[in-house]
């Protein structure tokens, strides 16, 4: 665990699936049910980093929603940090 240089929150790092990237995440592990974004247009997207280092993107729905998939992981800290723009890589 480390501290975010932007907001001072505690964060942890998860190694990406390829081993070359590390994702900063909030330390609380979550279980969410996601649905493919195309099935629910206009709803905000959640990005969850799994223990395997993959990023899953979808719309958060109720567990009983048809077609939803149970995902366990962590919210990327870029989604919750008020200073996230300072750390985004320029393309």
PDB file of N, CA and C in Angstrom:
ATOM      1  N   UNK A   1       0.846  -1.177   0.000  1.00  0.00           N
ATOM      2  CA  UNK A   1       0.000   0.000   0.000  1.00  0.00           C
ATOM      3  C   UNK A   1       0.893   1.243   0.000  1.00  0.00           C
ATOM      4  N   UNK A   2       0.451   2.230  -0.752  1.00  0.00           N
ATOM      5  CA  UNK A   2       1.153   3.501  -0.795  1.00  0.00           C
ATOM      6  C   UNK A   2       0.118   4.611  -0.655  1.00  0.00           C
ATOM      7  N   UNK A   3       0.599   5.840  -0.705  1.00  0.00           N
ATOM      8  CA  UNK A   3      -0.272   6.998  -0.603  1.00  0.00           C
ATOM      9  C   UNK A   3      -0.254   7.726  -1.941  1.00  0.00           C
ATOM     10  N   UNK A   4      -1.420   8.138  -2.416  1.00  0.00           N
ATOM     11  CA  UNK A   4      -1.533   8.871  -3.671  1.00  0.00           C
ATOM     12  C   UNK A   4      -0.850  10.227  -3.507  1.00  0.00           C
ATOM     13  N   UNK A   5       0.008  10.578  -4.448  1.00  0.00           N
ATOM     14  CA  UNK A   5       0.717  11.856  -4.395  1.00  0.00           C
ATOM     15  C   UNK A   5      -0.205  13.033  -4.670  1.00  0.00           C
ATOM     16  N   UNK A   6      -1.368  12.769  -5.261  1.00  0.00           N
ATOM     17  CA  UNK A   6      -2.297  13.840  -5.587  1.00  0.00           C
ATOM     18  C   UNK A   6      -3.255  14.172  -4.466  1.00  0.00           C
ATOM     19  N   UNK A   7      -3.915  13.136  -3.909  1.00  0.00           N
ATOM     20  CA  UNK A   7      -4.962  13.391  -2.918  1.00  0.00           C
ATOM     21  C   UNK A   7      -4.639  12.870  -1.520  1.00  0.00           C
ATOM     22  N   UNK A   8      -3.596  12.080  -1.401  1.00  0.00           N
ATOM     23  CA  UNK A   8      -3.200  11.570  -0.094  1.00  0.00           C
ATOM     24  C   UNK A   8      -3.939  10.315   0.351  1.00  0.00           C
ATOM     25  N   UNK A   9      -4.808   9.782  -0.498  1.00  0.00           N
ATOM     26  CA  UNK A   9      -5.556   8.558  -0.153  1.00  0.00           C
ATOM     27  C   UNK A   9      -4.646   7.339  -0.216  1.00  0.00           C
ATOM     28  N   UNK A  10      -4.987   6.321   0.554  1.00  0.00           N
ATOM     29  CA  UNK A  10      -4.258   5.057   0.500  1.00  0.00           C
ATOM     30  C   UNK A  10      -4.649   4.332  -0.780  1.00  0.00           C
ATOM     31  N   UNK A  11      -3.645   3.857  -1.516  1.00  0.00           N
ATOM     32  CA  UNK A  11      -3.904   3.097  -2.734  1.00  0.00           C
ATOM     33  C   UNK A  11      -3.036   1.847  -2.725  1.00  0.00           C
ATOM     34  N   UNK A  12      -3.399   0.900  -3.552  1.00  0.00           N
ATOM     35  CA  UNK A  12      -2.547  -0.270  -3.753  1.00  0.00           C
ATOM     36  C   UNK A  12      -2.340  -0.411  -5.247  1.00  0.00           C
ATOM     37  N   UNK A  13      -1.400  -1.246  -5.618  1.00  0.00           N
ATOM     38  CA  UNK A  13      -1.053  -1.422  -7.017  1.00  0.00           C
ATOM     39  C   UNK A  13      -1.300  -2.866  -7.421  1.00  0.00           C
ATOM     40  N   UNK A  14      -1.915  -3.052  -8.586  1.00  0.00           N
ATOM     41  CA  UNK A  14      -2.141  -4.391  -9.119  1.00  0.00           C
ATOM     42  C   UNK A  14      -1.389  -4.489 -10.437  1.00  0.00           C
ATOM     43  N   UNK A  15      -0.601  -5.546 -10.554  1.00  0.00           N
ATOM     44  CA  UNK A  15       0.158  -5.763 -11.776  1.00  0.00           C
ATOM     45  C   UNK A  15      -0.787  -6.092 -12.914  1.00  0.00           C
ATOM     46  N   UNK A  16      -0.566  -5.447 -14.048  1.00  0.00           N
ATOM     47  CA  UNK A  16      -1.395  -5.683 -15.220  1.00  0.00           C
ATOM     48  C   UNK A  16      -1.200  -7.085 -15.768  1.00  0.00           C
ATOM     49  N   UNK A  17      -2.120  -7.500 -16.629  1.00  0.00           N
ATOM     50  CA  UNK A  17      -2.108  -8.854 -17.175  1.00  0.00           C
ATOM     51  C   UNK A  17      -0.810  -9.162 -17.916  1.00  0.00           C
ATOM     52  N   UNK A  18      -0.215  -8.180 -18.576  1.00  0.00           N
ATOM     53  CA  UNK A  18       1.028  -8.408 -19.306  1.00  0.00           C
ATOM     54  C   UNK A  18       2.269  -8.252 -18.456  1.00  0.00           C
ATOM     55  N   UNK A  19       2.109  -7.777 -17.241  1.00  0.00           N
ATOM     56  CA  UNK A  19       3.241  -7.616 -16.329  1.00  0.00           C
ATOM     57  C   UNK A  19       4.019  -6.325 -16.499  1.00  0.00           C
ATOM     58  N   UNK A  20       3.671  -5.507 -17.489  1.00  0.00           N
ATOM     59  CA  UNK A  20       4.438  -4.282 -17.716  1.00  0.00           C
ATOM     60  C   UNK A  20       3.766  -3.047 -17.137  1.00  0.00           C
ATOM     61  N   UNK A  21       2.481  -3.128 -16.848  1.00  0.00           N
ATOM     62  CA  UNK A  21       1.728  -1.989 -16.337  1.00  0.00           C
ATOM     63  C   UNK A  21       1.264  -2.316 -14.923  1.00  0.00           C
ATOM     64  N   UNK A  22       1.247  -1.303 -14.071  1.00  0.00           N
ATOM     65  CA  UNK A  22       0.697  -1.459 -12.733  1.00  0.00           C
ATOM     66  C   UNK A  22      -0.450  -0.472 -12.576  1.00  0.00           C
ATOM     67  N   UNK A  23      -1.592  -0.953 -12.099  1.00  0.00           N
ATOM     68  CA  UNK A  23      -2.782  -0.132 -11.974  1.00  0.00           C
ATOM     69  C   UNK A  23      -2.954   0.339 -10.534  1.00  0.00           C
ATOM     70  N   UNK A  24      -3.095   1.671 -10.315  1.00  0.00           N
ATOM     71  CA  UNK A  24      -3.406   2.149  -8.964  1.00  0.00           C
ATOM     72  C   UNK A  24      -4.893   1.923  -8.694  1.00  0.00           C
ATOM     73  N   UNK A  25      -5.206   1.315  -7.577  1.00  0.00           N
ATOM     74  CA  UNK A  25      -6.603   1.027  -7.241  1.00  0.00           C
ATOM     75  C   UNK A  25      -6.888   1.427  -5.802  1.00  0.00           C
ATOM     76  N   UNK A  26      -8.169   1.700  -5.525  1.00  0.00           N
ATOM     77  CA  UNK A  26      -8.597   1.911  -4.148  1.00  0.00           C
ATOM     78  C   UNK A  26      -8.536   0.557  -3.449  1.00  0.00           C
ATOM     79  N   UNK A  27      -8.153   0.518  -2.172  1.00  0.00           N
ATOM     80  CA  UNK A  27      -7.885  -0.763  -1.508  1.00  0.00           C
ATOM     81  C   UNK A  27      -9.102  -1.631  -1.194  1.00  0.00           C
ATOM     82  N   UNK A  28     -10.294  -1.105  -1.273  1.00  0.00           N
ATOM     83  CA  UNK A  28     -11.483  -1.897  -0.928  1.00  0.00           C
ATOM     84  C   UNK A  28     -11.862  -2.840  -2.074  1.00  0.00           C
ATOM     85  N   UNK A  29     -11.889  -4.116  -1.784  1.00  0.00           N
ATOM     86  CA  UNK A  29     -12.280  -5.120  -2.788  1.00  0.00           C
ATOM     87  C   UNK A  29     -13.803  -5.148  -2.886  1.00  0.00           C
ATOM     88  N   UNK A  30     -14.303  -5.138  -4.113  1.00  0.00           N
ATOM     89  CA  UNK A  30     -15.739  -5.093  -4.359  1.00  0.00           C
ATOM     90  C   UNK A  30     -16.209  -6.300  -5.158  1.00  0.00           C
ATOM     91  N   UNK A  31     -17.472  -6.605  -5.004  1.00  0.00           N
ATOM     92  CA  UNK A  31     -18.145  -7.559  -5.874  1.00  0.00           C
ATOM     93  C   UNK A  31     -19.278  -6.794  -6.536  1.00  0.00           C
ATOM     94  N   UNK A  32     -19.224  -6.710  -7.873  1.00  0.00           N
ATOM     95  CA  UNK A  32     -20.229  -5.974  -8.632  1.00  0.00           C
ATOM     96  C   UNK A  32     -20.780  -6.870  -9.740  1.00  0.00           C
ATOM     97  N   UNK A  33     -21.951  -6.533 -10.214  1.00  0.00           N
ATOM     98  CA  UNK A  33     -22.520  -7.207 -11.360  1.00  0.00           C
ATOM     99  C   UNK A  33     -22.522  -6.201 -12.500  1.00  0.00           C
ATOM    100  N   UNK A  34     -21.845  -6.564 -13.592  1.00  0.00           N
ATOM    101  CA  UNK A  34     -21.708  -5.667 -14.732  1.00  0.00           C
ATOM    102  C   UNK A  34     -22.465  -6.199 -15.931  1.00  0.00           C
ATOM    103  N   UNK A  35     -22.882  -5.262 -16.745  1.00  0.00           N
ATOM    104  CA  UNK A  35     -23.575  -5.572 -17.980  1.00  0.00           C
ATOM    105  C   UNK A  35     -22.837  -4.875 -19.110  1.00  0.00           C
ATOM    106  N   UNK A  36     -22.771  -5.484 -20.271  1.00  0.00           N
ATOM    107  CA  UNK A  36     -22.116  -4.895 -21.424  1.00  0.00           C
ATOM    108  C   UNK A  36     -22.698  -3.506 -21.682  1.00  0.00           C
ATOM    109  N   UNK A  37     -21.833  -2.488 -21.849  1.00  0.00           N
ATOM    110  CA  UNK A  37     -22.328  -1.114 -22.009  1.00  0.00           C
ATOM    111  C   UNK A  37     -23.315  -0.934 -23.158  1.00  0.00           C
ATOM    112  N   UNK A  38     -23.146  -1.669 -24.248  1.00  0.00           N
ATOM    113  CA  UNK A  38     -24.044  -1.517 -25.396  1.00  0.00           C
ATOM    114  C   UNK A  38     -25.486  -1.894 -25.061  1.00  0.00           C
ATOM    115  N   UNK A  39     -25.676  -2.722 -24.043  1.00  0.00           N
ATOM    116  CA  UNK A  39     -27.023  -3.153 -23.673  1.00  0.00           C
ATOM    117  C   UNK A  39     -27.780  -2.111 -22.852  1.00  0.00           C
ATOM    118  N   UNK A  40     -27.053  -1.149 -22.281  1.00  0.00           N
ATOM    119  CA  UNK A  40     -27.675  -0.114 -21.454  1.00  0.00           C
ATOM    120  C   UNK A  40     -27.041   1.237 -21.828  1.00  0.00           C
ATOM    121  N   UNK A  41     -27.337   1.770 -23.007  1.00  0.00           N
ATOM    122  CA  UNK A  41     -26.703   3.016 -23.429  1.00  0.00           C
ATOM    123  C   UNK A  41     -27.068   4.186 -22.530  1.00  0.00           C
ATOM    124  N   UNK A  42     -26.110   5.085 -22.373  1.00  0.00           N
ATOM    125  CA  UNK A  42     -26.352   6.298 -21.597  1.00  0.00           C
ATOM    126  C   UNK A  42     -26.088   6.186 -20.114  1.00  0.00           C
ATOM    127  N   UNK A  43     -25.833   5.006 -19.599  1.00  0.00           N
ATOM    128  CA  UNK A  43     -25.550   4.840 -18.165  1.00  0.00           C
ATOM    129  C   UNK A  43     -24.050   4.959 -17.937  1.00  0.00           C
ATOM    130  N   UNK A  44     -23.632   5.487 -16.784  1.00  0.00           N
ATOM    131  CA  UNK A  44     -22.197   5.608 -16.506  1.00  0.00           C
ATOM    132  C   UNK A  44     -21.514   4.246 -16.423  1.00  0.00           C
ATOM    133  N   UNK A  45     -20.257   4.220 -16.848  1.00  0.00           N
ATOM    134  CA  UNK A  45     -19.482   2.983 -16.853  1.00  0.00           C
ATOM    135  C   UNK A  45     -18.639   2.853 -15.603  1.00  0.00           C
ATOM    136  N   UNK A  46     -18.468   1.625 -15.158  1.00  0.00           N
ATOM    137  CA  UNK A  46     -17.555   1.314 -14.057  1.00  0.00           C
ATOM    138  C   UNK A  46     -16.357   0.587 -14.658  1.00  0.00           C
ATOM    139  N   UNK A  47     -15.170   0.900 -14.158  1.00  0.00           N
ATOM    140  CA  UNK A  47     -13.966   0.192 -14.574  1.00  0.00           C
ATOM    141  C   UNK A  47     -13.397  -0.497 -13.347  1.00  0.00           C
ATOM    142  N   UNK A  48     -13.348  -1.818 -13.418  1.00  0.00           N
ATOM    143  CA  UNK A  48     -12.906  -2.635 -12.296  1.00  0.00           C
ATOM    144  C   UNK A  48     -11.634  -3.372 -12.697  1.00  0.00           C
ATOM    145  N   UNK A  49     -10.624  -3.311 -11.826  1.00  0.00           N
ATOM    146  CA  UNK A  49      -9.375  -4.031 -12.056  1.00  0.00           C
ATOM    147  C   UNK A  49      -9.453  -5.331 -11.263  1.00  0.00           C
ATOM    148  N   UNK A  50      -9.318  -6.453 -11.957  1.00  0.00           N
ATOM    149  CA  UNK A  50      -9.403  -7.757 -11.305  1.00  0.00           C
ATOM    150  C   UNK A  50      -8.055  -8.119 -10.679  1.00  0.00           C
ATOM    151  N   UNK A  51      -8.053  -9.164  -9.866  1.00  0.00           N
ATOM    152  CA  UNK A  51      -6.800  -9.640  -9.270  1.00  0.00           C
ATOM    153  C   UNK A  51      -5.792 -10.060 -10.336  1.00  0.00           C
ATOM    154  N   UNK A  52      -6.291 -10.490 -11.491  1.00  0.00           N
ATOM    155  CA  UNK A  52      -5.417 -10.915 -12.589  1.00  0.00           C
ATOM    156  C   UNK A  52      -4.842  -9.735 -13.358  1.00  0.00           C
ATOM    157  N   UNK A  53      -5.286  -8.516 -13.021  1.00  0.00           N
ATOM    158  CA  UNK A  53      -4.749  -7.323 -13.668  1.00  0.00           C
ATOM    159  C   UNK A  53      -5.473  -6.901 -14.923  1.00  0.00           C
ATOM    160  N   UNK A  54      -6.611  -7.517 -15.222  1.00  0.00           N
ATOM    161  CA  UNK A  54      -7.393  -7.090 -16.377  1.00  0.00           C
ATOM    162  C   UNK A  54      -8.392  -6.027 -15.939  1.00  0.00           C
ATOM    163  N   UNK A  55      -8.741  -5.159 -16.867  1.00  0.00           N
ATOM    164  CA  UNK A  55      -9.719  -4.110 -16.586  1.00  0.00           C
ATOM    165  C   UNK A  55     -11.029  -4.516 -17.238  1.00  0.00           C
ATOM    166  N   UNK A  56     -12.074  -4.583 -16.432  1.00  0.00           N
ATOM    167  CA  UNK A  56     -13.412  -4.921 -16.921  1.00  0.00           C
ATOM    168  C   UNK A  56     -14.249  -3.649 -16.875  1.00  0.00           C
ATOM    169  N   UNK A  57     -14.929  -3.364 -17.960  1.00  0.00           N
ATOM    170  CA  UNK A  57     -15.751  -2.164 -18.077  1.00  0.00           C
ATOM    171  C   UNK A  57     -17.189  -2.567 -18.330  1.00  0.00           C
ATOM    172  N   UNK A  58     -18.100  -1.914 -17.626  1.00  0.00           N
ATOM    173  CA  UNK A  58     -19.507  -2.203 -17.834  1.00  0.00           C
ATOM    174  C   UNK A  58     -20.388  -1.296 -17.007  1.00  0.00           C
ATOM    175  N   UNK A  59     -21.659  -1.511 -17.116  1.00  0.00           N
ATOM    176  CA  UNK A  59     -22.654  -0.770 -16.352  1.00  0.00           C
ATOM    177  C   UNK A  59     -23.006  -1.606 -15.125  1.00  0.00           C
ATOM    178  N   UNK A  60     -22.987  -0.989 -13.950  1.00  0.00           N
ATOM    179  CA  UNK A  60     -23.330  -1.695 -12.710  1.00  0.00           C
ATOM    180  C   UNK A  60     -24.846  -1.877 -12.666  1.00  0.00           C
ATOM    181  N   UNK A  61     -25.260  -3.127 -12.461  1.00  0.00           N
ATOM    182  CA  UNK A  61     -26.682  -3.459 -12.382  1.00  0.00           C
ATOM    183  C   UNK A  61     -26.929  -4.348 -11.161  1.00  0.00           C
ATOM    184  N   UNK A  62     -28.192  -4.625 -10.900  1.00  0.00           N
ATOM    185  CA  UNK A  62     -28.556  -5.520  -9.798  1.00  0.00           C
ATOM    186  C   UNK A  62     -28.158  -6.952 -10.150  1.00  0.00           C
ATOM    187  N   UNK A  63     -27.839  -7.759  -9.140  1.00  0.00           N
ATOM    188  CA  UNK A  63     -27.421  -9.142  -9.395  1.00  0.00           C
ATOM    189  C   UNK A  63     -28.434  -9.958 -10.201  1.00  0.00           C
ATOM    190  N   UNK A  64     -29.698  -9.665 -10.037  1.00  0.00           N
ATOM    191  CA  UNK A  64     -30.719 -10.451 -10.735  1.00  0.00           C
ATOM    192  C   UNK A  64     -30.973  -9.971 -12.166  1.00  0.00           C
ATOM    193  N   UNK A  65     -30.281  -8.932 -12.596  1.00  0.00           N
ATOM    194  CA  UNK A  65     -30.485  -8.400 -13.955  1.00  0.00           C
ATOM    195  C   UNK A  65     -30.056  -9.446 -14.985  1.00  0.00           C
ATOM    196  N   UNK A  66     -30.900  -9.746 -15.956  1.00  0.00           N
ATOM    197  CA  UNK A  66     -30.548 -10.745 -16.973  1.00  0.00           C
ATOM    198  C   UNK A  66     -29.293 -10.350 -17.739  1.00  0.00           C
ATOM    199  N   UNK A  67     -28.383 -11.287 -17.877  1.00  0.00           N
ATOM    200  CA  UNK A  67     -27.154 -11.052 -18.633  1.00  0.00           C
ATOM    201  C   UNK A  67     -26.023 -10.418 -17.843  1.00  0.00           C
ATOM    202  N   UNK A  68     -26.256 -10.129 -16.566  1.00  0.00           N
ATOM    203  CA  UNK A  68     -25.195  -9.502 -15.770  1.00  0.00           C
ATOM    204  C   UNK A  68     -24.117 -10.530 -15.428  1.00  0.00           C
ATOM    205  N   UNK A  69     -22.907 -10.024 -15.237  1.00  0.00           N
ATOM    206  CA  UNK A  69     -21.767 -10.884 -14.907  1.00  0.00           C
ATOM    207  C   UNK A  69     -21.173 -10.436 -13.576  1.00  0.00           C
ATOM    208  N   UNK A  70     -20.936 -11.378 -12.694  1.00  0.00           N
ATOM    209  CA  UNK A  70     -20.349 -11.080 -11.378  1.00  0.00           C
ATOM    210  C   UNK A  70     -18.851 -10.858 -11.549  1.00  0.00           C
ATOM    211  N   UNK A  71     -18.365  -9.697 -11.084  1.00  0.00           N
ATOM    212  CA  UNK A  71     -16.953  -9.332 -11.187  1.00  0.00           C
ATOM    213  C   UNK A  71     -16.450  -8.965  -9.795  1.00  0.00           C
ATOM    214  N   UNK A  72     -15.307  -9.506  -9.416  1.00  0.00           N
ATOM    215  CA  UNK A  72     -14.661  -9.129  -8.158  1.00  0.00           C
ATOM    216  C   UNK A  72     -13.384  -8.382  -8.497  1.00  0.00           C
ATOM    217  N   UNK A  73     -13.159  -7.290  -7.804  1.00  0.00           N
ATOM    218  CA  UNK A  73     -11.947  -6.524  -8.063  1.00  0.00           C
ATOM    219  C   UNK A  73     -11.958  -5.195  -7.348  1.00  0.00           C
ATOM    220  N   UNK A  74     -11.257  -4.251  -7.926  1.00  0.00           N
ATOM    221  CA  UNK A  74     -11.017  -2.969  -7.291  1.00  0.00           C
ATOM    222  C   UNK A  74     -11.332  -1.831  -8.251  1.00  0.00           C
ATOM    223  N   UNK A  75     -11.832  -0.726  -7.697  1.00  0.00           N
ATOM    224  CA  UNK A  75     -12.080   0.463  -8.499  1.00  0.00           C
ATOM    225  C   UNK A  75     -10.741   1.127  -8.780  1.00  0.00           C
ATOM    226  N   UNK A  76     -10.505   1.456 -10.049  1.00  0.00           N
ATOM    227  CA  UNK A  76      -9.284   2.161 -10.381  1.00  0.00           C
ATOM    228  C   UNK A  76      -9.255   3.510  -9.651  1.00  0.00           C
ATOM    229  N   UNK A  77      -8.114   3.884  -9.110  1.00  0.00           N
ATOM    230  CA  UNK A  77      -8.033   5.129  -8.351  1.00  0.00           C
ATOM    231  C   UNK A  77      -8.230   6.344  -9.246  1.00  0.00           C
ATOM    232  N   UNK A  78      -8.016   6.196 -10.549  1.00  0.00           N
ATOM    233  CA  UNK A  78      -8.269   7.305 -11.467  1.00  0.00           C
ATOM    234  C   UNK A  78      -9.734   7.730 -11.426  1.00  0.00           C
ATOM    235  N   UNK A  79     -10.628   6.823 -11.072  1.00  0.00           N
ATOM    236  CA  UNK A  79     -12.055   7.134 -11.028  1.00  0.00           C
ATOM    237  C   UNK A  79     -12.444   7.904  -9.772  1.00  0.00           C
ATOM    238  N   UNK A  80     -11.645   7.832  -8.720  1.00  0.00           N
ATOM    239  CA  UNK A  80     -12.027   8.460  -7.452  1.00  0.00           C
ATOM    240  C   UNK A  80     -11.105   9.595  -7.020  1.00  0.00           C
ATOM    241  N   UNK A  81      -9.948   9.724  -7.638  1.00  0.00           N
ATOM    242  CA  UNK A  81      -8.980  10.750  -7.230  1.00  0.00           C
ATOM    243  C   UNK A  81      -9.343  12.109  -7.832  1.00  0.00           C
ATOM    244  N   UNK A  82      -9.472  13.142  -6.997  1.00  0.00           N
ATOM    245  CA  UNK A  82      -9.784  14.470  -7.536  1.00  0.00           C
ATOM    246  C   UNK A  82      -8.629  15.066  -8.343  1.00  0.00           C
ATOM    247  N   UNK A  83      -7.443  14.520  -8.212  1.00  0.00           N
ATOM    248  CA  UNK A  83      -6.267  15.012  -8.933  1.00  0.00           C
ATOM    249  C   UNK A  83      -5.857  14.085 -10.082  1.00  0.00           C
ATOM    250  N   UNK A  84      -6.731  13.204 -10.506  1.00  0.00           N
ATOM    251  CA  UNK A  84      -6.386  12.179 -11.503  1.00  0.00           C
ATOM    252  C   UNK A  84      -5.833  12.763 -12.794  1.00  0.00           C
ATOM    253  N   UNK A  85      -6.329  13.900 -13.231  1.00  0.00           N
ATOM    254  CA  UNK A  85      -5.876  14.492 -14.498  1.00  0.00           C
ATOM    255  C   UNK A  85      -4.377  14.785 -14.487  1.00  0.00           C
ATOM    256  N   UNK A  86      -3.820  15.069 -13.316  1.00  0.00           N
ATOM    257  CA  UNK A  86      -2.382  15.357 -13.209  1.00  0.00           C
ATOM    258  C   UNK A  86      -1.523  14.143 -13.548  1.00  0.00           C
ATOM    259  N   UNK A  87      -2.074  12.939 -13.421  1.00  0.00           N
ATOM    260  CA  UNK A  87      -1.281  11.730 -13.568  1.00  0.00           C
ATOM    261  C   UNK A  87      -1.572  10.956 -14.850  1.00  0.00           C
ATOM    262  N   UNK A  88      -2.526  11.402 -15.633  1.00  0.00           N
ATOM    263  CA  UNK A  88      -2.838  10.708 -16.878  1.00  0.00           C
ATOM    264  C   UNK A  88      -1.711  10.918 -17.868  1.00  0.00           C
ATOM    265  N   UNK A  89      -1.373   9.833 -18.565  1.00  0.00           N
ATOM    266  CA  UNK A  89      -0.319   9.910 -19.575  1.00  0.00           C
ATOM    267  C   UNK A  89      -0.840  10.603 -20.815  1.00  0.00           C
ATOM    268  N   UNK A  90      -0.026  11.455 -21.376  1.00  0.00           N
ATOM    269  CA  UNK A  90      -0.373  12.123 -22.636  1.00  0.00           C
ATOM    270  C   UNK A  90      -0.151  11.158 -23.790  1.00  0.00           C
ATOM    271  N   UNK A  91      -1.054  11.135 -24.736  1.00  0.00           N
ATOM    272  CA  UNK A  91      -0.902  10.247 -25.904  1.00  0.00           C
ATOM    273  C   UNK A  91      -0.419  11.021 -27.090  1.00  0.00           C
TER     274      UNK A  91
END
